[in-house]
């Protein structure tokens, strides 16, 4: 029998808009900072980098911020990463809910 939590999570992803998926990525990254899981955090941020569309202006700035967050996570500065990601997450969430 399949894990009901896993089924719920998979369905939540399938039902999400692209903007909501971005918010979910931020949520996962922020959770990783609380767990001090640098490897997972860097993996999530790498995924976020690969999803950037450089045809639009904010992509360059986001790339720089994400790269900086990866470096901070290598240094174990998870609180600093969180201070950068949380406001970005809230902005994406505001946009996704309009």
PDB file of N, CA and C in Angstrom:
ATOM      1  N   UNK A   1       0.840  -1.177   0.000  1.00  0.00           N
ATOM      2  CA  UNK A   1       0.000   0.000   0.000  1.00  0.00           C
ATOM      3  C   UNK A   1       0.891   1.249   0.000  1.00  0.00           C
ATOM      4  N   UNK A   2       0.468   2.240  -0.736  1.00  0.00           N
ATOM      5  CA  UNK A   2       1.250   3.464  -0.838  1.00  0.00           C
ATOM      6  C   UNK A   2       1.058   4.338   0.391  1.00  0.00           C
ATOM      7  N   UNK A   3       2.112   5.044   0.715  1.00  0.00           N
ATOM      8  CA  UNK A   3       2.110   5.954   1.852  1.00  0.00           C
ATOM      9  C   UNK A   3       1.154   7.117   1.549  1.00  0.00           C
ATOM     10  N   UNK A   4       0.101   7.306   2.357  1.00  0.00           N
ATOM     11  CA  UNK A   4      -0.866   8.371   2.089  1.00  0.00           C
ATOM     12  C   UNK A   4      -0.237   9.765   2.080  1.00  0.00           C
ATOM     13  N   UNK A   5       0.775   9.990   2.909  1.00  0.00           N
ATOM     14  CA  UNK A   5       1.452  11.286   2.939  1.00  0.00           C
ATOM     15  C   UNK A   5       2.159  11.549   1.609  1.00  0.00           C
ATOM     16  N   UNK A   6       2.797  10.517   1.076  1.00  0.00           N
ATOM     17  CA  UNK A   6       3.488  10.648  -0.204  1.00  0.00           C
ATOM     18  C   UNK A   6       2.495  10.914  -1.331  1.00  0.00           C
ATOM     19  N   UNK A   7       1.387  10.208  -1.323  1.00  0.00           N
ATOM     20  CA  UNK A   7       0.343  10.420  -2.335  1.00  0.00           C
ATOM     21  C   UNK A   7      -0.171  11.854  -2.264  1.00  0.00           C
ATOM     22  N   UNK A   8      -0.402  12.346  -1.055  1.00  0.00           N
ATOM     23  CA  UNK A   8      -0.881  13.719  -0.862  1.00  0.00           C
ATOM     24  C   UNK A   8       0.133  14.720  -1.395  1.00  0.00           C
ATOM     25  N   UNK A   9       1.406  14.520  -1.064  1.00  0.00           N
ATOM     26  CA  UNK A   9       2.449  15.435  -1.520  1.00  0.00           C
ATOM     27  C   UNK A   9       2.571  15.433  -3.041  1.00  0.00           C
ATOM     28  N   UNK A  10       2.497  14.251  -3.645  1.00  0.00           N
ATOM     29  CA  UNK A  10       2.585  14.160  -5.109  1.00  0.00           C
ATOM     30  C   UNK A  10       1.413  14.881  -5.766  1.00  0.00           C
ATOM     31  N   UNK A  11       0.235  14.713  -5.218  1.00  0.00           N
ATOM     32  CA  UNK A  11      -0.945  15.375  -5.777  1.00  0.00           C
ATOM     33  C   UNK A  11      -0.850  16.886  -5.605  1.00  0.00           C
ATOM     34  N   UNK A  12      -0.328  17.341  -4.475  1.00  0.00           N
ATOM     35  CA  UNK A  12      -0.167  18.776  -4.241  1.00  0.00           C
ATOM     36  C   UNK A  12       0.768  19.391  -5.272  1.00  0.00           C
ATOM     37  N   UNK A  13       1.821  18.670  -5.640  1.00  0.00           N
ATOM     38  CA  UNK A  13       2.747  19.164  -6.660  1.00  0.00           C
ATOM     39  C   UNK A  13       2.059  19.187  -8.025  1.00  0.00           C
ATOM     40  N   UNK A  14       1.333  18.140  -8.352  1.00  0.00           N
ATOM     41  CA  UNK A  14       0.644  18.074  -9.648  1.00  0.00           C
ATOM     42  C   UNK A  14      -0.397  19.176  -9.800  1.00  0.00           C
ATOM     43  N   UNK A  15      -1.027  19.564  -8.704  1.00  0.00           N
ATOM     44  CA  UNK A  15      -2.084  20.570  -8.746  1.00  0.00           C
ATOM     45  C   UNK A  15      -1.557  22.006  -8.644  1.00  0.00           C
ATOM     46  N   UNK A  16      -0.257  22.176  -8.466  1.00  0.00           N
ATOM     47  CA  UNK A  16       0.317  23.503  -8.261  1.00  0.00           C
ATOM     48  C   UNK A  16       0.614  24.203  -9.586  1.00  0.00           C
ATOM     49  N   UNK A  17       0.464  25.520  -9.555  1.00  0.00           N
ATOM     50  CA  UNK A  17       0.865  26.336 -10.698  1.00  0.00           C
ATOM     51  C   UNK A  17       2.393  26.458 -10.673  1.00  0.00           C
ATOM     52  N   UNK A  18       2.990  26.905 -11.779  1.00  0.00           N
ATOM     53  CA  UNK A  18       4.450  27.110 -11.772  1.00  0.00           C
ATOM     54  C   UNK A  18       4.907  28.045 -10.655  1.00  0.00           C
ATOM     55  N   UNK A  19       4.163  29.110 -10.390  1.00  0.00           N
ATOM     56  CA  UNK A  19       4.546  30.025  -9.309  1.00  0.00           C
ATOM     57  C   UNK A  19       4.449  29.346  -7.950  1.00  0.00           C
ATOM     58  N   UNK A  20       3.441  28.528  -7.755  1.00  0.00           N
ATOM     59  CA  UNK A  20       3.304  27.806  -6.491  1.00  0.00           C
ATOM     60  C   UNK A  20       4.442  26.797  -6.311  1.00  0.00           C
ATOM     61  N   UNK A  21       4.917  26.237  -7.416  1.00  0.00           N
ATOM     62  CA  UNK A  21       6.050  25.316  -7.335  1.00  0.00           C
ATOM     63  C   UNK A  21       7.320  26.050  -6.906  1.00  0.00           C
ATOM     64  N   UNK A  22       7.481  27.283  -7.381  1.00  0.00           N
ATOM     65  CA  UNK A  22       8.624  28.083  -6.953  1.00  0.00           C
ATOM     66  C   UNK A  22       8.554  28.309  -5.439  1.00  0.00           C
ATOM     67  N   UNK A  23       7.373  28.632  -4.948  1.00  0.00           N
ATOM     68  CA  UNK A  23       7.193  28.841  -3.505  1.00  0.00           C
ATOM     69  C   UNK A  23       7.533  27.556  -2.752  1.00  0.00           C
ATOM     70  N   UNK A  24       7.106  26.422  -3.271  1.00  0.00           N
ATOM     71  CA  UNK A  24       7.404  25.138  -2.622  1.00  0.00           C
ATOM     72  C   UNK A  24       8.916  24.880  -2.578  1.00  0.00           C
ATOM     73  N   UNK A  25       9.633  25.283  -3.630  1.00  0.00           N
ATOM     74  CA  UNK A  25      11.084  25.119  -3.640  1.00  0.00           C
ATOM     75  C   UNK A  25      11.720  25.980  -2.544  1.00  0.00           C
ATOM     76  N   UNK A  26      11.235  27.204  -2.425  1.00  0.00           N
ATOM     77  CA  UNK A  26      11.730  28.066  -1.339  1.00  0.00           C
ATOM     78  C   UNK A  26      11.435  27.434   0.015  1.00  0.00           C
ATOM     79  N   UNK A  27      10.234  26.887   0.183  1.00  0.00           N
ATOM     80  CA  UNK A  27       9.878  26.241   1.455  1.00  0.00           C
ATOM     81  C   UNK A  27      10.851  25.109   1.779  1.00  0.00           C
ATOM     82  N   UNK A  28      11.158  24.287   0.765  1.00  0.00           N
ATOM     83  CA  UNK A  28      12.090  23.180   0.981  1.00  0.00           C
ATOM     84  C   UNK A  28      13.482  23.691   1.336  1.00  0.00           C
ATOM     85  N   UNK A  29      13.906  24.743   0.654  1.00  0.00           N
ATOM     86  CA  UNK A  29      15.232  25.311   0.940  1.00  0.00           C
ATOM     87  C   UNK A  29      15.280  25.862   2.360  1.00  0.00           C
ATOM     88  N   UNK A  30      14.245  26.584   2.738  1.00  0.00           N
ATOM     89  CA  UNK A  30      14.209  27.167   4.086  1.00  0.00           C
ATOM     90  C   UNK A  30      14.164  26.073   5.144  1.00  0.00           C
ATOM     91  N   UNK A  31      13.388  25.024   4.906  1.00  0.00           N
ATOM     92  CA  UNK A  31      13.359  23.896   5.847  1.00  0.00           C
ATOM     93  C   UNK A  31      14.749  23.290   6.009  1.00  0.00           C
ATOM     94  N   UNK A  32      15.484  23.211   4.904  1.00  0.00           N
ATOM     95  CA  UNK A  32      16.838  22.658   4.956  1.00  0.00           C
ATOM     96  C   UNK A  32      17.764  23.519   5.805  1.00  0.00           C
ATOM     97  N   UNK A  33      17.530  24.836   5.818  1.00  0.00           N
ATOM     98  CA  UNK A  33      18.374  25.692   6.661  1.00  0.00           C
ATOM     99  C   UNK A  33      18.117  25.416   8.131  1.00  0.00           C
ATOM    100  N   UNK A  34      16.859  25.159   8.487  1.00  0.00           N
ATOM    101  CA  UNK A  34      16.551  24.848   9.881  1.00  0.00           C
ATOM    102  C   UNK A  34      17.157  23.509  10.296  1.00  0.00           C
ATOM    103  N   UNK A  35      17.202  22.593   9.357  1.00  0.00           N
ATOM    104  CA  UNK A  35      17.785  21.267   9.646  1.00  0.00           C
ATOM    105  C   UNK A  35      19.312  21.266   9.523  1.00  0.00           C
ATOM    106  N   UNK A  36      19.841  22.382   9.035  1.00  0.00           N
ATOM    107  CA  UNK A  36      21.286  22.507   8.793  1.00  0.00           C
ATOM    108  C   UNK A  36      21.779  21.414   7.860  1.00  0.00           C
ATOM    109  N   UNK A  37      20.965  21.141   6.838  1.00  0.00           N
ATOM    110  CA  UNK A  37      21.278  20.133   5.831  1.00  0.00           C
ATOM    111  C   UNK A  37      21.820  20.843   4.594  1.00  0.00           C
ATOM    112  N   UNK A  38      23.116  21.128   4.626  1.00  0.00           N
ATOM    113  CA  UNK A  38      23.749  21.879   3.554  1.00  0.00           C
ATOM    114  C   UNK A  38      23.690  21.189   2.210  1.00  0.00           C
ATOM    115  N   UNK A  39      23.834  19.883   2.211  1.00  0.00           N
ATOM    116  CA  UNK A  39      23.810  19.133   0.951  1.00  0.00           C
ATOM    117  C   UNK A  39      22.444  19.270   0.268  1.00  0.00           C
ATOM    118  N   UNK A  40      21.390  19.068   1.029  1.00  0.00           N
ATOM    119  CA  UNK A  40      20.048  19.182   0.459  1.00  0.00           C
ATOM    120  C   UNK A  40      19.771  20.628   0.040  1.00  0.00           C
ATOM    121  N   UNK A  41      20.184  21.579   0.860  1.00  0.00           N
ATOM    122  CA  UNK A  41      19.988  22.983   0.545  1.00  0.00           C
ATOM    123  C   UNK A  41      20.660  23.336  -0.777  1.00  0.00           C
ATOM    124  N   UNK A  42      21.906  22.923  -0.950  1.00  0.00           N
ATOM    125  CA  UNK A  42      22.613  23.225  -2.193  1.00  0.00           C
ATOM    126  C   UNK A  42      21.963  22.541  -3.383  1.00  0.00           C
ATOM    127  N   UNK A  43      21.450  21.349  -3.188  1.00  0.00           N
ATOM    128  CA  UNK A  43      20.757  20.641  -4.266  1.00  0.00           C
ATOM    129  C   UNK A  43      19.489  21.394  -4.691  1.00  0.00           C
ATOM    130  N   UNK A  44      18.729  21.857  -3.710  1.00  0.00           N
ATOM    131  CA  UNK A  44      17.503  22.608  -3.999  1.00  0.00           C
ATOM    132  C   UNK A  44      17.843  23.914  -4.710  1.00  0.00           C
ATOM    133  N   UNK A  45      18.853  24.606  -4.217  1.00  0.00           N
ATOM    134  CA  UNK A  45      19.235  25.868  -4.852  1.00  0.00           C
ATOM    135  C   UNK A  45      19.745  25.623  -6.263  1.00  0.00           C
ATOM    136  N   UNK A  46      20.462  24.536  -6.486  1.00  0.00           N
ATOM    137  CA  UNK A  46      20.908  24.197  -7.844  1.00  0.00           C
ATOM    138  C   UNK A  46      19.721  23.997  -8.771  1.00  0.00           C
ATOM    139  N   UNK A  47      18.688  23.353  -8.265  1.00  0.00           N
ATOM    140  CA  UNK A  47      17.466  23.165  -9.049  1.00  0.00           C
ATOM    141  C   UNK A  47      16.821  24.517  -9.354  1.00  0.00           C
ATOM    142  N   UNK A  48      16.815  25.402  -8.368  1.00  0.00           N
ATOM    143  CA  UNK A  48      16.248  26.740  -8.577  1.00  0.00           C
ATOM    144  C   UNK A  48      17.062  27.512  -9.624  1.00  0.00           C
ATOM    145  N   UNK A  49      18.381  27.366  -9.593  1.00  0.00           N
ATOM    146  CA  UNK A  49      19.228  28.026 -10.588  1.00  0.00           C
ATOM    147  C   UNK A  49      18.927  27.493 -11.977  1.00  0.00           C
ATOM    148  N   UNK A  50      18.779  26.181 -12.089  1.00  0.00           N
ATOM    149  CA  UNK A  50      18.536  25.592 -13.410  1.00  0.00           C
ATOM    150  C   UNK A  50      17.177  26.008 -13.977  1.00  0.00           C
ATOM    151  N   UNK A  51      16.273  26.449 -13.106  1.00  0.00           N
ATOM    152  CA  UNK A  51      14.956  26.890 -13.562  1.00  0.00           C
ATOM    153  C   UNK A  51      14.883  28.365 -13.926  1.00  0.00           C
ATOM    154  N   UNK A  52      15.981  29.092 -13.747  1.00  0.00           N
ATOM    155  CA  UNK A  52      15.957  30.520 -14.070  1.00  0.00           C
ATOM    156  C   UNK A  52      15.863  30.744 -15.577  1.00  0.00           C
ATOM    157  N   UNK A  53      15.082  31.734 -15.942  1.00  0.00           N
ATOM    158  CA  UNK A  53      14.941  32.129 -17.346  1.00  0.00           C
ATOM    159  C   UNK A  53      15.693  33.443 -17.525  1.00  0.00           C
ATOM    160  N   UNK A  54      16.853  33.372 -18.147  1.00  0.00           N
ATOM    161  CA  UNK A  54      17.709  34.542 -18.268  1.00  0.00           C
ATOM    162  C   UNK A  54      17.240  35.523 -19.339  1.00  0.00           C
ATOM    163  N   UNK A  55      16.095  35.250 -19.930  1.00  0.00           N
ATOM    164  CA  UNK A  55      15.491  36.220 -20.850  1.00  0.00           C
ATOM    165  C   UNK A  55      14.806  37.344 -20.078  1.00  0.00           C
ATOM    166  N   UNK A  56      14.661  37.161 -18.783  1.00  0.00           N
ATOM    167  CA  UNK A  56      13.999  38.162 -17.943  1.00  0.00           C
ATOM    168  C   UNK A  56      15.001  38.742 -16.952  1.00  0.00           C
ATOM    169  N   UNK A  57      14.855  40.025 -16.682  1.00  0.00           N
ATOM    170  CA  UNK A  57      15.829  40.783 -15.897  1.00  0.00           C
ATOM    171  C   UNK A  57      16.152  40.217 -14.513  1.00  0.00           C
ATOM    172  N   UNK A  58      15.192  39.803 -13.718  1.00  0.00           N
ATOM    173  CA  UNK A  58      15.582  39.395 -12.353  1.00  0.00           C
ATOM    174  C   UNK A  58      16.410  38.122 -12.292  1.00  0.00           C
ATOM    175  N   UNK A  59      16.508  37.382 -13.378  1.00  0.00           N
ATOM    176  CA  UNK A  59      17.234  36.110 -13.337  1.00  0.00           C
ATOM    177  C   UNK A  59      18.699  36.302 -12.955  1.00  0.00           C
ATOM    178  N   UNK A  60      19.343  37.343 -13.474  1.00  0.00           N
ATOM    179  CA  UNK A  60      20.744  37.577 -13.139  1.00  0.00           C
ATOM    180  C   UNK A  60      20.932  37.848 -11.652  1.00  0.00           C
ATOM    181  N   UNK A  61      20.050  38.672 -11.088  1.00  0.00           N
ATOM    182  CA  UNK A  61      20.149  38.974  -9.660  1.00  0.00           C
ATOM    183  C   UNK A  61      19.849  37.737  -8.813  1.00  0.00           C
ATOM    184  N   UNK A  62      18.838  36.974  -9.226  1.00  0.00           N
ATOM    185  CA  UNK A  62      18.515  35.749  -8.483  1.00  0.00           C
ATOM    186  C   UNK A  62      19.668  34.756  -8.567  1.00  0.00           C
ATOM    187  N   UNK A  63      20.280  34.644  -9.741  1.00  0.00           N
ATOM    188  CA  UNK A  63      21.423  33.746  -9.893  1.00  0.00           C
ATOM    189  C   UNK A  63      22.523  34.119  -8.894  1.00  0.00           C
ATOM    190  N   UNK A  64      22.829  35.403  -8.809  1.00  0.00           N
ATOM    191  CA  UNK A  64      23.868  35.868  -7.880  1.00  0.00           C
ATOM    192  C   UNK A  64      23.499  35.556  -6.432  1.00  0.00           C
ATOM    193  N   UNK A  65      22.238  35.801  -6.072  1.00  0.00           N
ATOM    194  CA  UNK A  65      21.792  35.517  -4.706  1.00  0.00           C
ATOM    195  C   UNK A  65      21.843  34.016  -4.403  1.00  0.00           C
ATOM    196  N   UNK A  66      21.373  33.216  -5.340  1.00  0.00           N
ATOM    197  CA  UNK A  66      21.373  31.767  -5.129  1.00  0.00           C
ATOM    198  C   UNK A  66      22.807  31.248  -4.986  1.00  0.00           C
ATOM    199  N   UNK A  67      23.689  31.734  -5.837  1.00  0.00           N
ATOM    200  CA  UNK A  67      25.093  31.316  -5.774  1.00  0.00           C
ATOM    201  C   UNK A  67      25.701  31.720  -4.415  1.00  0.00           C
ATOM    202  N   UNK A  68      25.403  32.920  -3.981  1.00  0.00           N
ATOM    203  CA  UNK A  68      25.874  33.392  -2.685  1.00  0.00           C
ATOM    204  C   UNK A  68      25.324  32.507  -1.556  1.00  0.00           C
ATOM    205  N   UNK A  69      24.063  32.128  -1.644  1.00  0.00           N
ATOM    206  CA  UNK A  69      23.452  31.246  -0.635  1.00  0.00           C
ATOM    207  C   UNK A  69      24.141  29.879  -0.622  1.00  0.00           C
ATOM    208  N   UNK A  70      24.494  29.384  -1.786  1.00  0.00           N
ATOM    209  CA  UNK A  70      25.218  28.113  -1.825  1.00  0.00           C
ATOM    210  C   UNK A  70      26.553  28.234  -1.096  1.00  0.00           C
ATOM    211  N   UNK A  71      27.248  29.334  -1.336  1.00  0.00           N
ATOM    212  CA  UNK A  71      28.531  29.541  -0.654  1.00  0.00           C
ATOM    213  C   UNK A  71      28.338  29.657   0.853  1.00  0.00           C
ATOM    214  N   UNK A  72      27.314  30.391   1.277  1.00  0.00           N
ATOM    215  CA  UNK A  72      27.031  30.509   2.708  1.00  0.00           C
ATOM    216  C   UNK A  72      26.737  29.151   3.327  1.00  0.00           C
ATOM    217  N   UNK A  73      26.000  28.317   2.603  1.00  0.00           N
ATOM    218  CA  UNK A  73      25.653  27.002   3.162  1.00  0.00           C
ATOM    219  C   UNK A  73      26.897  26.137   3.319  1.00  0.00           C
ATOM    220  N   UNK A  74      27.858  26.285   2.418  1.00  0.00           N
ATOM    221  CA  UNK A  74      29.117  25.537   2.551  1.00  0.00           C
ATOM    222  C   UNK A  74      29.864  25.962   3.820  1.00  0.00           C
ATOM    223  N   UNK A  75      29.660  27.217   4.220  1.00  0.00           N
ATOM    224  CA  UNK A  75      30.298  27.739   5.426  1.00  0.00           C
ATOM    225  C   UNK A  75      29.464  27.473   6.678  1.00  0.00           C
ATOM    226  N   UNK A  76      28.289  26.846   6.502  1.00  0.00           N
ATOM    227  CA  UNK A  76      27.426  26.550   7.640  1.00  0.00           C
ATOM    228  C   UNK A  76      26.653  27.754   8.154  1.00  0.00           C
ATOM    229  N   UNK A  77      26.506  28.773   7.343  1.00  0.00           N
ATOM    230  CA  UNK A  77      25.805  29.999   7.745  1.00  0.00           C
ATOM    231  C   UNK A  77      24.330  29.926   7.314  1.00  0.00           C
ATOM    232  N   UNK A  78      23.628  28.993   7.927  1.00  0.00           N
ATOM    233  CA  UNK A  78      22.251  28.709   7.525  1.00  0.00           C
ATOM    234  C   UNK A  78      21.288  29.839   7.877  1.00  0.00           C
ATOM    235  N   UNK A  79      21.529  30.508   8.980  1.00  0.00           N
ATOM    236  CA  UNK A  79      20.647  31.619   9.359  1.00  0.00           C
ATOM    237  C   UNK A  79      20.740  32.752   8.333  1.00  0.00           C
ATOM    238  N   UNK A  80      21.935  33.015   7.844  1.00  0.00           N
ATOM    239  CA  UNK A  80      22.097  34.053   6.824  1.00  0.00           C
ATOM    240  C   UNK A  80      21.393  33.673   5.531  1.00  0.00           C
ATOM    241  N   UNK A  81      21.462  32.406   5.174  1.00  0.00           N
ATOM    242  CA  UNK A  81      20.756  31.936   3.975  1.00  0.00           C
ATOM    243  C   UNK A  81      19.259  32.150   4.158  1.00  0.00           C
ATOM    244  N   UNK A  82      18.767  31.798   5.324  1.00  0.00           N
ATOM    245  CA  UNK A  82      17.340  31.948   5.621  1.00  0.00           C
ATOM    246  C   UNK A  82      16.927  33.414   5.542  1.00  0.00           C
ATOM    247  N   UNK A  83      17.757  34.318   6.033  1.00  0.00           N
ATOM    248  CA  UNK A  83      17.449  35.744   5.989  1.00  0.00           C
ATOM    249  C   UNK A  83      17.347  36.267   4.550  1.00  0.00           C
ATOM    250  N   UNK A  84      18.038  35.622   3.641  1.00  0.00           N
ATOM    251  CA  UNK A  84      17.955  35.995   2.226  1.00  0.00           C
ATOM    252  C   UNK A  84      16.736  35.356   1.570  1.00  0.00           C
ATOM    253  N   UNK A  85      16.513  34.072   1.838  1.00  0.00           N
ATOM    254  CA  UNK A  85      15.471  33.332   1.136  1.00  0.00           C
ATOM    255  C   UNK A  85      14.057  33.644   1.608  1.00  0.00           C
ATOM    256  N   UNK A  86      13.871  33.902   2.900  1.00  0.00           N
ATOM    257  CA  UNK A  86      12.507  34.107   3.403  1.00  0.00           C
ATOM    258  C   UNK A  86      11.792  35.295   2.750  1.00  0.00           C
ATOM    259  N   UNK A  87      12.424  36.467   2.612  1.00  0.00           N
ATOM    260  CA  UNK A  87      11.715  37.568   1.938  1.00  0.00           C
ATOM    261  C   UNK A  87      11.436  37.270   0.462  1.00  0.00           C
ATOM    262  N   UNK A  88      12.362  36.563  -0.183  1.00  0.00           N
ATOM    263  CA  UNK A  88      12.127  36.184  -1.577  1.00  0.00           C
ATOM    264  C   UNK A  88      10.942  35.235  -1.674  1.00  0.00           C
ATOM    265  N   UNK A  89      10.885  34.290  -0.753  1.00  0.00           N
ATOM    266  CA  UNK A  89       9.777  33.332  -0.724  1.00  0.00           C
ATOM    267  C   UNK A  89       8.450  34.055  -0.535  1.00  0.00           C
ATOM    268  N   UNK A  90       8.432  35.020   0.377  1.00  0.00           N
ATOM    269  CA  UNK A  90       7.193  35.755   0.640  1.00  0.00           C
ATOM    270  C   UNK A  90       6.755  36.558  -0.585  1.00  0.00           C
ATOM    271  N   UNK A  91       7.706  37.111  -1.310  1.00  0.00           N
ATOM    272  CA  UNK A  91       7.385  37.855  -2.532  1.00  0.00           C
ATOM    273  C   UNK A  91       6.784  36.929  -3.583  1.00  0.00           C
ATOM    274  N   UNK A  92       7.413  35.770  -3.799  1.00  0.00           N
ATOM    275  CA  UNK A  92       6.871  34.805  -4.755  1.00  0.00           C
ATOM    276  C   UNK A  92       5.487  34.332  -4.330  1.00  0.00           C
ATOM    277  N   UNK A  93       5.290  34.136  -3.035  1.00  0.00           N
ATOM    278  CA  UNK A  93       4.002  33.697  -2.534  1.00  0.00           C
ATOM    279  C   UNK A  93       2.928  34.756  -2.798  1.00  0.00           C
ATOM    280  N   UNK A  94       3.260  36.027  -2.565  1.00  0.00           N
ATOM    281  CA  UNK A  94       2.323  37.117  -2.861  1.00  0.00           C
ATOM    282  C   UNK A  94       1.923  37.120  -4.333  1.00  0.00           C
ATOM    283  N   UNK A  95       2.900  36.936  -5.202  1.00  0.00           N
ATOM    284  CA  UNK A  95       2.624  36.931  -6.641  1.00  0.00           C
ATOM    285  C   UNK A  95       1.768  35.718  -7.008  1.00  0.00           C
ATOM    286  N   UNK A  96       2.094  34.556  -6.436  1.00  0.00           N
ATOM    287  CA  UNK A  96       1.360  33.330  -6.755  1.00  0.00           C
ATOM    288  C   UNK A  96      -0.101  33.409  -6.310  1.00  0.00           C
ATOM    289  N   UNK A  97      -0.370  34.175  -5.265  1.00  0.00           N
ATOM    290  CA  UNK A  97      -1.730  34.237  -4.731  1.00  0.00           C
ATOM    291  C   UNK A  97      -2.557  35.398  -5.279  1.00  0.00           C
ATOM    292  N   UNK A  98      -2.034  36.111  -6.246  1.00  0.00           N
ATOM    293  CA  UNK A  98      -2.812  37.205  -6.857  1.00  0.00           C
ATOM    294  C   UNK A  98      -3.646  36.683  -8.002  1.00  0.00           C
TER     295      UNK A  98
END
